[in-house]
């Protein structure tokens, strides 16, 4: 094979193109060197971190504390610091109203649902009302209670007034204004649902559209099954609620969520275990807590309520009075509740009217007894 010596023109061309090629590859070469250097730094840093972890951190996991002295326990690796548990902040109910449009408290009887609900109403502020056919004196301090004494006609009327308020609030919002927040507690929901024919449909409507009208429901019940809430076939409505579970309901919920063992152990040690959706919570000590008074958003008139849907079909019509006055449905239900009450007449008056209005309650009950005798 013969080799030819390039002439001057060819040498000049080779040098020109070679220089251009080398110049174009200089940035790539620099980037390549920088990347390889970075990889080397990361490798060295990782190796040093592993050495530090194995030399200092890992041995610390074998330390247990007895009193104020650390002791080395062979063969075991307990945690030096207990896992931090993120507890729910109750103040979020007030500061994040859009995050918690409706709330329901689920617990067995005697777990303090009513007291906790009253505390929540205190946190929520705004205008407030309670709808319940059954309330003990002092259960809802400072809040107007409707439907006491198994007055289901009054329960129905209040729910209807709440619906009217919801539509009125939407008109206010259409004018560019913001209505005041309204919080309504529904206690003994199963009794209301079973004795007020339209209660289920009204509450479904509230769950769906009352949020934007600044109306929040606070429901109390002794079970979390769909049938308890009357949402058969519409269980997605239950997702509009933030669930506050107490006692066994909280412990079972934590197990279903497969929370860490430390969280479940912490819950089991609480006097009243509490879970708010996915977060454990510490129930505040409300002994001696003073609740302020609240303004009711509902001022219906219950003097002439006629709601045949709430009357059982077997109710006997009472005799008319000498003045040919037709007793109202509310009076009928109140008298029937008195006849079915198993305690003394004094206890019934205290439960329905309260200790402060005992004399008024006694007089009104005597009037009912004369009217229906």
Protein backbone atom coordinates (compact mmCIF):
# COMPACT_ATOMS: atom_id res chain seq x y z
CA UNK A 1 0.00 0.00 0.00
CA UNK A 2 1.33 3.40 -0.96
CA UNK A 3 0.95 6.55 1.07
CA UNK A 4 0.75 9.91 -0.56
CA UNK A 5 1.99 13.00 1.12
CA UNK A 6 -0.84 15.57 1.22
CA UNK A 7 -0.22 18.86 -0.37
CA UNK A 8 -0.48 22.22 1.39
CA UNK A 9 -4.14 22.77 0.45
CA UNK A 10 -5.17 19.40 1.83
CA UNK A 11 -3.25 19.96 5.07
CA UNK A 12 -4.90 23.35 5.48
CA UNK A 13 -8.38 21.85 4.90
CA UNK A 14 -7.77 19.04 7.41
CA UNK A 15 -6.58 21.46 10.09
CA UNK A 16 -9.54 23.79 9.49
CA UNK A 17 -12.23 21.10 9.75
CA UNK A 18 -10.45 19.36 12.63
CA UNK A 19 -10.30 22.58 14.62
CA UNK A 20 -13.99 23.24 13.99
CA UNK A 21 -14.91 19.68 15.05
CA UNK A 22 -12.82 19.97 18.23
CA UNK A 23 -14.33 23.37 19.06
CA UNK A 24 -17.86 22.01 18.71
CA UNK A 25 -17.11 19.13 21.09
CA UNK A 26 -15.50 21.21 23.82
CA UNK A 27 -18.89 22.04 25.54
CA UNK A 28 -19.89 18.39 25.41
CA UNK A 29 -16.57 17.40 26.91
CA UNK A 30 -16.98 19.93 29.71
CA UNK A 31 -20.52 18.70 30.49
CA UNK A 32 -19.33 15.11 30.49
CA UNK A 33 -16.54 15.90 32.95
CA UNK A 34 -18.92 17.83 35.22
CA UNK A 35 -21.47 15.00 35.21
CA UNK A 36 -18.90 12.38 36.01
CA UNK A 37 -17.54 14.56 38.81
CA UNK A 38 -21.02 14.99 40.25
CA UNK A 39 -21.56 11.22 40.19
CA UNK A 40 -18.30 10.76 42.02
CA UNK A 41 -19.32 13.33 44.66
CA UNK A 42 -22.72 11.64 45.16
CA UNK A 43 -21.06 8.24 45.48
CA UNK A 44 -18.57 9.52 48.05
CA UNK A 45 -21.32 11.34 50.01
CA UNK A 46 -23.52 8.22 50.02
CA UNK A 47 -20.65 6.09 51.27
CA UNK A 48 -19.91 8.56 54.06
CA UNK A 49 -23.61 8.67 55.02
CA UNK A 50 -23.75 4.86 55.22
CA UNK A 51 -20.62 4.80 57.36
CA UNK A 52 -22.08 7.46 59.68
CA UNK A 53 -25.42 5.62 59.89
CA UNK A 54 -23.83 2.28 60.70
CA UNK A 55 -21.32 3.76 63.14
CA UNK A 56 -23.55 6.16 65.09
CA UNK A 57 -27.26 5.98 64.27
CA UNK A 58 -27.72 2.21 64.19
CA UNK A 59 -26.14 1.67 67.63
CA UNK A 60 -28.46 4.31 69.10
CA UNK A 61 -31.47 2.17 68.17
CA UNK A 62 -30.25 -0.44 70.62
CA UNK A 63 -30.52 2.00 73.53
CA UNK A 64 -33.46 1.85 75.92
CA UNK A 65 -34.03 4.34 78.72
CA UNK A 66 -34.52 3.26 82.31
CA UNK A 67 -35.25 6.29 84.45
CA UNK A 68 -32.63 8.82 83.41
CA UNK A 69 -29.87 6.36 82.43
CA UNK A 70 -29.42 4.81 78.96
CA UNK A 71 -28.77 1.07 79.00
CA UNK A 72 -27.73 -1.18 76.13
CA UNK A 73 -30.07 -4.09 75.59
CA UNK A 74 -28.60 -6.87 73.48
CA UNK A 75 -30.80 -8.43 70.80
CA UNK A 76 -33.52 -5.77 70.75
CA UNK A 77 -33.91 -2.54 68.82
CA UNK A 78 -36.63 -0.40 70.43
CA UNK A 79 -37.17 3.11 69.09
CA UNK A 80 -35.47 5.81 71.11
CA UNK A 81 -38.16 8.34 70.20
CA UNK A 82 -41.79 7.30 69.83
CA UNK A 83 -43.31 7.90 66.42
CA UNK A 84 -44.92 11.34 66.22
CA UNK A 85 -48.72 11.11 65.94
CA UNK A 86 -50.45 13.79 63.87
CA UNK A 87 -53.62 14.78 65.72
CA UNK A 88 -56.56 16.57 64.15
CA UNK A 89 -56.88 20.26 65.02
CA UNK A 90 -60.49 20.97 66.07
CA UNK A 91 -60.14 24.63 65.09
CA UNK A 92 -60.07 23.59 61.44
CA UNK A 93 -63.84 23.18 61.58
CA UNK A 94 -64.11 26.95 62.01
CA UNK A 95 -61.18 28.08 59.83
CA UNK A 96 -61.92 25.75 56.87
CA UNK A 97 -65.73 25.72 56.44
CA UNK A 98 -65.54 24.65 52.79
CA UNK A 99 -63.43 21.63 53.70
CA UNK A 100 -66.02 20.42 56.22
CA UNK A 101 -69.46 21.25 54.71
CA UNK A 102 -71.37 18.81 56.93
CA UNK A 103 -70.41 16.85 60.04
CA UNK A 104 -71.79 13.71 61.66
CA UNK A 105 -70.91 12.27 65.03
CA UNK A 106 -71.15 8.49 65.29
CA UNK A 107 -71.04 6.84 68.71
CA UNK A 108 -72.97 4.52 70.96
CA UNK A 109 -75.24 5.87 73.64
CA UNK A 110 -73.40 7.29 76.65
CA UNK A 111 -70.21 8.20 74.77
CA UNK A 112 -70.83 11.95 75.01
CA UNK A 113 -72.11 12.70 71.51
CA UNK A 114 -74.30 15.58 72.66
CA UNK A 115 -71.59 17.24 74.74
CA UNK A 116 -69.07 16.99 71.91
CA UNK A 117 -71.66 18.28 69.43
CA UNK A 118 -72.32 21.28 71.68
CA UNK A 119 -68.57 21.97 71.74
CA UNK A 120 -68.47 21.76 67.94
CA UNK A 121 -71.37 24.21 67.68
CA UNK A 122 -69.38 26.51 69.96
CA UNK A 123 -66.39 26.26 67.60
CA UNK A 124 -68.47 26.75 64.45
CA UNK A 125 -70.18 29.92 65.63
CA UNK A 126 -72.81 31.64 63.46
CA UNK A 127 -76.52 31.16 63.94
CA UNK A 128 -77.47 27.83 65.50
CA UNK A 129 -80.45 25.57 66.14
CA UNK A 130 -81.09 22.00 67.26
CA UNK A 131 -83.79 19.66 65.98
CA UNK A 132 -84.43 16.68 68.25
CA UNK A 133 -87.51 14.92 69.62
CA UNK A 134 -85.66 13.96 72.78
CA UNK A 135 -83.43 16.25 74.84
CA UNK A 136 -82.46 16.30 78.50
CA UNK A 137 -82.28 19.58 80.42
CA UNK A 138 -78.89 21.20 79.91
CA UNK A 139 -77.96 19.15 76.83
CA UNK A 140 -77.86 22.14 74.48
CA UNK A 141 -76.93 25.12 76.62
CA UNK A 142 -77.70 28.44 74.97
CA UNK A 143 -79.13 26.98 71.72
CA UNK A 144 -82.79 26.96 70.67
CA UNK A 145 -84.08 23.37 70.61
CA UNK A 146 -87.05 22.40 68.42
CA UNK A 147 -89.10 19.21 68.64
CA UNK A 148 -88.62 18.41 72.32
CA UNK A 149 -91.19 16.11 73.88
CA UNK A 150 -91.42 13.99 70.71
CA UNK A 151 -93.02 16.88 68.87
CA UNK A 152 -92.43 15.55 65.35
CA UNK A 153 -94.74 18.15 63.85
CA UNK A 154 -92.36 20.82 65.09
CA UNK A 155 -89.40 18.87 63.73
CA UNK A 156 -91.01 18.79 60.31
CA UNK A 157 -91.90 22.49 60.39
CA UNK A 158 -88.34 23.46 61.30
CA UNK A 159 -86.89 21.36 58.47
CA UNK A 160 -89.27 23.08 56.05
CA UNK A 161 -88.28 26.49 57.40
CA UNK A 162 -84.64 25.51 56.96
CA UNK A 163 -85.34 24.71 53.32
CA UNK A 164 -86.95 28.13 52.85
CA UNK A 165 -83.93 29.73 54.48
CA UNK A 166 -81.63 27.87 52.09
CA UNK A 167 -83.49 29.29 49.06
CA UNK A 168 -83.48 32.77 50.61
CA UNK A 169 -79.72 32.57 51.14
CA UNK A 170 -79.23 31.70 47.47
CA UNK A 171 -81.10 34.88 46.55
CA UNK A 172 -78.81 36.85 48.84
CA UNK A 173 -75.77 35.25 47.20
CA UNK A 174 -77.11 36.13 43.73
CA UNK A 175 -77.03 39.78 44.82
CA UNK A 176 -73.31 39.52 45.54
CA UNK A 177 -73.72 39.31 49.32
CA UNK A 178 -72.58 36.63 51.77
CA UNK A 179 -75.17 35.30 54.25
CA UNK A 180 -74.22 34.43 57.81
CA UNK A 181 -73.23 30.83 58.47
CA UNK A 182 -76.00 28.63 59.88
CA UNK A 183 -75.31 25.42 61.82
CA UNK A 184 -78.18 23.02 62.54
CA UNK A 185 -77.75 19.93 64.72
CA UNK A 186 -79.99 16.90 64.06
CA UNK A 187 -80.08 14.72 67.17
CA UNK A 188 -81.83 11.32 67.39
CA UNK A 189 -81.88 11.26 63.59
CA UNK A 190 -83.36 7.75 63.41
CA UNK A 191 -86.46 8.85 65.35
CA UNK A 192 -86.89 11.94 63.17
CA UNK A 193 -86.51 9.95 59.96
CA UNK A 194 -88.99 7.28 61.05
CA UNK A 195 -91.67 9.71 62.26
CA UNK A 196 -91.38 12.58 59.77
CA UNK A 197 -92.23 11.35 56.28
CA UNK A 198 -90.37 14.06 54.36
CA UNK A 199 -87.32 14.25 56.62
CA UNK A 200 -85.18 11.92 54.53
CA UNK A 201 -85.78 13.79 51.26
CA UNK A 202 -85.22 17.18 52.89
CA UNK A 203 -81.92 16.15 54.44
CA UNK A 204 -80.74 14.69 51.12
CA UNK A 205 -81.43 18.06 49.54
CA UNK A 206 -79.55 19.85 52.32
CA UNK A 207 -76.58 17.52 51.92
CA UNK A 208 -76.46 18.21 48.18
CA UNK A 209 -77.02 21.96 47.86
CA UNK A 210 -76.99 23.62 51.32
CA UNK A 211 -73.21 23.95 51.38
CA UNK A 212 -73.10 26.95 49.02
CA UNK A 213 -76.03 28.51 50.90
CA UNK A 214 -73.88 28.61 54.07
CA UNK A 215 -75.96 25.99 55.90
CA UNK A 216 -74.13 23.18 57.67
CA UNK A 217 -75.69 20.05 59.16
CA UNK A 218 -74.35 18.42 62.31
CA UNK A 219 -75.96 14.99 62.51
CA UNK A 220 -75.81 12.61 65.49
CA UNK A 221 -76.55 8.89 65.35
CA UNK A 222 -75.64 5.57 66.94
CA UNK A 223 -74.53 3.82 63.74
CA UNK A 224 -72.73 4.46 60.47
CA UNK A 225 -74.67 2.05 58.25
CA UNK A 226 -76.26 3.59 55.16
CA UNK A 227 -79.71 2.51 56.37
CA UNK A 228 -79.22 4.51 59.58
CA UNK A 229 -79.04 7.70 57.56
CA UNK A 230 -81.68 6.79 54.99
CA UNK A 231 -79.20 6.94 52.11
CA UNK A 232 -79.87 3.55 50.56
CA UNK A 233 -78.67 3.57 46.97
CA UNK A 234 -77.12 7.03 47.48
CA UNK A 235 -74.15 6.22 49.67
CA UNK A 236 -72.10 8.81 47.76
CA UNK A 237 -74.01 11.48 49.71
CA UNK A 238 -72.30 10.20 52.82
CA UNK A 239 -69.00 11.44 51.39
CA UNK A 240 -70.26 15.01 51.93
CA UNK A 241 -69.95 14.42 55.68
CA UNK A 242 -66.85 14.62 57.80
CA UNK A 243 -67.24 11.69 60.18
CA UNK A 244 -66.35 12.09 63.85
CA UNK A 245 -66.24 8.57 65.30
CA UNK A 246 -66.06 7.86 69.03
CA UNK A 247 -65.30 4.73 71.05
CA UNK A 248 -65.41 1.41 69.25
CA UNK A 249 -66.33 3.09 65.97
CA UNK A 250 -63.03 5.02 66.11
CA UNK A 251 -60.95 1.93 66.95
CA UNK A 252 -62.57 -0.13 64.18
CA UNK A 253 -62.08 2.69 61.67
CA UNK A 254 -58.38 2.94 62.52
CA UNK A 255 -58.02 -0.80 61.89
CA UNK A 256 -59.82 -0.55 58.54
CA UNK A 257 -57.45 2.25 57.50
CA UNK A 258 -54.50 0.06 58.59
CA UNK A 259 -52.96 2.89 60.59
CA UNK A 260 -49.64 2.24 62.30
CA UNK A 261 -49.57 0.21 65.49
CA UNK A 262 -48.41 3.25 67.47
CA UNK A 263 -51.51 5.22 66.42
CA UNK A 264 -53.82 2.32 67.26
CA UNK A 265 -52.10 1.85 70.64
CA UNK A 266 -52.50 5.55 71.38
CA UNK A 267 -56.19 5.43 70.49
CA UNK A 268 -56.83 2.39 72.67
CA UNK A 269 -55.36 4.20 75.68
CA UNK A 270 -57.69 7.20 75.33
CA UNK A 271 -60.68 7.55 77.64
CA UNK A 272 -62.79 8.35 74.58
CA UNK A 273 -61.03 7.23 71.38
CA UNK A 274 -61.81 9.59 68.51
CA UNK A 275 -61.15 9.51 64.77
CA UNK A 276 -62.01 12.41 62.44
CA UNK A 277 -61.94 10.89 58.97
CA UNK A 278 -58.33 9.64 58.63
CA UNK A 279 -56.89 11.47 61.64
CA UNK A 280 -56.85 10.53 65.32
CA UNK A 281 -58.07 13.29 67.62
CA UNK A 282 -57.95 14.05 71.31
CA UNK A 283 -61.38 14.83 72.74
CA UNK A 284 -61.13 18.01 74.81
CA UNK A 285 -61.99 17.96 78.50
CA UNK A 286 -65.25 19.94 78.65
CA UNK A 287 -65.97 19.53 82.35
CA UNK A 288 -67.06 22.92 83.62
CA UNK A 289 -66.81 24.49 80.16
CA UNK A 290 -69.14 27.47 79.80
CA UNK A 291 -70.94 27.73 76.48
CA UNK A 292 -72.26 31.04 75.23
CA UNK A 293 -75.75 31.68 73.87
CA UNK A 294 -76.45 31.50 70.13
CA UNK A 295 -79.06 33.15 67.91
CA UNK A 296 -81.48 30.82 66.16
CA UNK A 297 -81.87 31.23 62.38
CA UNK A 298 -85.40 29.81 62.48
CA UNK A 299 -88.42 31.52 63.98
CA UNK A 300 -91.41 29.49 62.75
CA UNK A 301 -94.88 29.65 64.29
CA UNK A 302 -96.12 26.34 65.59
CA UNK A 303 -99.57 27.41 66.72
CA UNK A 304 -101.46 25.77 63.85
CA UNK A 305 -99.40 22.88 62.56
CA UNK A 306 -101.32 20.33 60.50
CA UNK A 307 -99.00 17.54 59.35
CA UNK A 308 -100.97 14.37 58.84
CA UNK A 309 -97.89 12.52 57.54
CA UNK A 310 -96.35 12.50 61.01
CA UNK A 311 -99.40 11.01 62.75
CA UNK A 312 -99.55 7.22 63.22
CA UNK A 313 -102.66 5.76 61.58
CA UNK A 314 -103.94 4.29 64.87
CA UNK A 315 -104.15 7.59 66.77
CA UNK A 316 -107.56 8.09 68.37
CA UNK A 317 -109.06 11.54 67.80
CA UNK A 318 -109.58 13.29 71.15
CA UNK A 319 -112.88 14.81 72.08
CA UNK A 320 -113.39 18.49 71.31
CA UNK A 321 -113.35 20.98 74.12
CA UNK A 322 -116.41 22.77 75.33
CA UNK A 323 -115.40 25.75 73.25
CA UNK A 324 -115.34 23.56 70.08
CA UNK A 325 -111.61 24.27 69.69
CA UNK A 326 -109.69 21.75 67.55
CA UNK A 327 -106.46 20.76 69.34
CA UNK A 328 -103.31 21.23 67.28
CA UNK A 329 -101.17 18.31 66.11
CA UNK A 330 -98.33 19.51 68.35
CA UNK A 331 -100.60 19.30 71.40
CA UNK A 332 -101.74 15.80 70.44
CA UNK A 333 -98.17 14.55 70.11
CA UNK A 334 -97.09 16.19 73.35
CA UNK A 335 -100.00 14.64 75.27
CA UNK A 336 -99.30 11.21 73.74
CA UNK A 337 -95.63 11.56 74.76
CA UNK A 338 -96.76 12.36 78.33
CA UNK A 339 -99.03 9.30 78.47
CA UNK A 340 -96.21 7.09 77.14
CA UNK A 341 -93.61 8.53 79.52
CA UNK A 342 -92.58 5.95 82.14
CA UNK A 343 -91.24 8.40 84.71
CA UNK A 344 -93.02 10.77 87.04
CA UNK A 345 -94.96 13.82 85.93
CA UNK A 346 -92.29 16.03 87.49
CA UNK A 347 -89.52 14.32 85.48
CA UNK A 348 -91.53 14.76 82.27
CA UNK A 349 -91.94 18.50 82.91
CA UNK A 350 -88.22 18.92 83.61
CA UNK A 351 -87.28 17.01 80.46
CA UNK A 352 -89.63 18.92 78.14
CA UNK A 353 -89.68 22.43 79.62
CA UNK A 354 -86.54 22.40 81.73
CA UNK A 355 -86.04 23.23 85.39
CA UNK A 356 -86.22 26.99 84.83
CA UNK A 357 -89.67 26.84 83.20
CA UNK A 358 -91.03 24.19 85.57
CA UNK A 359 -94.02 26.26 86.69
CA UNK A 360 -94.92 27.16 83.10
CA UNK A 361 -94.60 23.53 82.05
CA UNK A 362 -96.77 22.34 84.90
CA UNK A 363 -99.49 24.81 83.96
CA UNK A 364 -99.40 23.89 80.27
CA UNK A 365 -99.42 20.18 81.07
CA UNK A 366 -102.46 20.62 83.30
CA UNK A 367 -104.19 22.44 80.44
CA UNK A 368 -103.38 19.54 78.09
CA UNK A 369 -104.72 17.02 80.60
CA UNK A 370 -108.00 18.95 80.87
CA UNK A 371 -108.25 19.31 77.09
CA UNK A 372 -107.73 15.63 76.32
CA UNK A 373 -109.42 14.12 79.38
